[in-house]
Amino acid sequence: MMMVFVYFDLSTGDLFDQIFCIPAPDFLRLTHNEDKKPGERVFTVGLKHPDQSKYAEFMIEKRELANRIIEIMDKL
C-alpha cells in the first residue's frame, strides 16, 4: 500500500509540480498521531522547500506518478 499526497492549486487549476508517494510502512514510521486518536496521522510539508522535508526521498514530479503506480502494481 502507498499513500499519495498532492496539492491542488485552485488559482492555476493544476496539481503542484511535486507529489509525495510514500509506502505505508514509511508513512507510519514518519508521521505521528498528535491527538492519539486511532487511525489518525499528521502529514505536513511546506510548499516553499518540499525537498528539505523528512519526506523528500518520496517526492516525485507529477509527470512521474503514472510510472510509479505501474512500478508498484508490477511488484504485486
Protein backbone atom coordinates (compact mmCIF):
# COMPACT_ATOMS: atom_id res chain seq x y z
CA MET A 1 0.00 0.00 0.00
CA MET A 2 1.13 3.52 -0.74
CA MET A 3 -0.05 6.95 0.32
CA VAL A 4 -0.19 9.64 -2.39
CA PHE A 5 -0.29 13.29 -1.40
CA VAL A 6 -0.90 16.11 -3.85
CA TYR A 7 -1.54 19.83 -3.55
CA PHE A 8 -4.15 21.23 -5.91
CA ASP A 9 -3.61 24.90 -6.72
CA LEU A 10 -7.03 26.49 -7.20
CA SER A 11 -5.58 29.59 -8.85
CA THR A 12 -3.98 27.58 -11.68
CA GLY A 13 -6.39 24.65 -11.68
CA ASP A 14 -3.49 22.22 -11.60
CA LEU A 15 -1.53 19.99 -9.28
CA PHE A 16 1.63 21.29 -7.65
CA ASP A 17 4.71 20.03 -9.53
CA GLN A 18 5.78 17.70 -6.72
CA ILE A 19 3.80 14.73 -5.43
CA PHE A 20 4.62 12.52 -2.48
CA CYS A 21 4.28 8.75 -2.93
CA ILE A 22 5.01 7.18 0.42
CA PRO A 23 4.88 3.44 1.11
CA ALA A 24 2.52 2.78 4.03
CA PRO A 25 5.20 1.42 6.40
CA ASP A 26 7.33 4.54 5.85
CA PHE A 27 4.30 6.77 6.28
CA LEU A 28 3.52 5.18 9.63
CA ARG A 29 7.15 5.49 10.71
CA LEU A 30 7.48 9.16 9.73
CA THR A 31 4.12 10.55 10.76
CA HIS A 32 2.72 10.97 14.22
CA ASN A 33 -0.63 10.84 15.89
CA GLU A 34 -0.97 14.22 17.62
CA ASP A 35 -4.27 13.60 19.39
CA LYS A 36 -3.72 9.88 19.98
CA LYS A 37 -6.86 9.11 18.02
CA PRO A 38 -6.79 5.64 16.48
CA GLY A 39 -6.18 5.72 12.74
CA GLU A 40 -5.33 9.42 12.50
CA ARG A 41 -1.93 10.66 11.31
CA VAL A 42 -0.50 14.10 10.56
CA PHE A 43 1.33 14.77 7.27
CA THR A 44 2.70 18.27 6.73
CA VAL A 45 5.12 19.57 4.10
CA GLY A 46 5.92 23.20 3.34
CA LEU A 47 5.47 24.13 -0.31
CA LYS A 48 8.44 26.50 -0.42
CA HIS A 49 11.05 23.80 0.22
CA PRO A 50 9.42 20.38 -0.05
CA ASP A 51 12.80 18.89 -0.95
CA GLN A 52 14.01 19.69 2.56
CA SER A 53 11.27 17.81 4.39
CA LYS A 54 11.64 14.44 6.05
CA TYR A 55 9.52 13.10 3.20
CA ALA A 56 11.86 14.37 0.46
CA GLU A 57 13.01 10.89 -0.55
CA PHE A 58 9.41 10.11 -1.55
CA MET A 59 8.89 13.25 -3.63
CA ILE A 60 8.42 12.79 -7.36
CA GLU A 61 7.45 15.05 -10.22
CA LYS A 62 3.76 14.85 -11.07
CA ARG A 63 4.58 13.56 -14.55
CA GLU A 64 6.20 10.50 -12.90
CA LEU A 65 3.07 9.44 -10.99
CA ALA A 66 1.67 7.02 -13.58
CA ASN A 67 5.02 5.26 -13.95
CA ARG A 68 5.40 4.98 -10.18
CA ILE A 69 1.95 3.40 -9.88
CA ILE A 70 2.81 0.93 -12.65
CA GLU A 71 6.07 0.03 -10.87
CA ILE A 72 4.18 -0.73 -7.69
CA MET A 73 1.49 -2.74 -9.47
CA ASP A 74 4.17 -4.80 -11.22
CA LYS A 75 5.52 -5.81 -7.82
CA LEU A 76 2.16 -7.19 -6.70
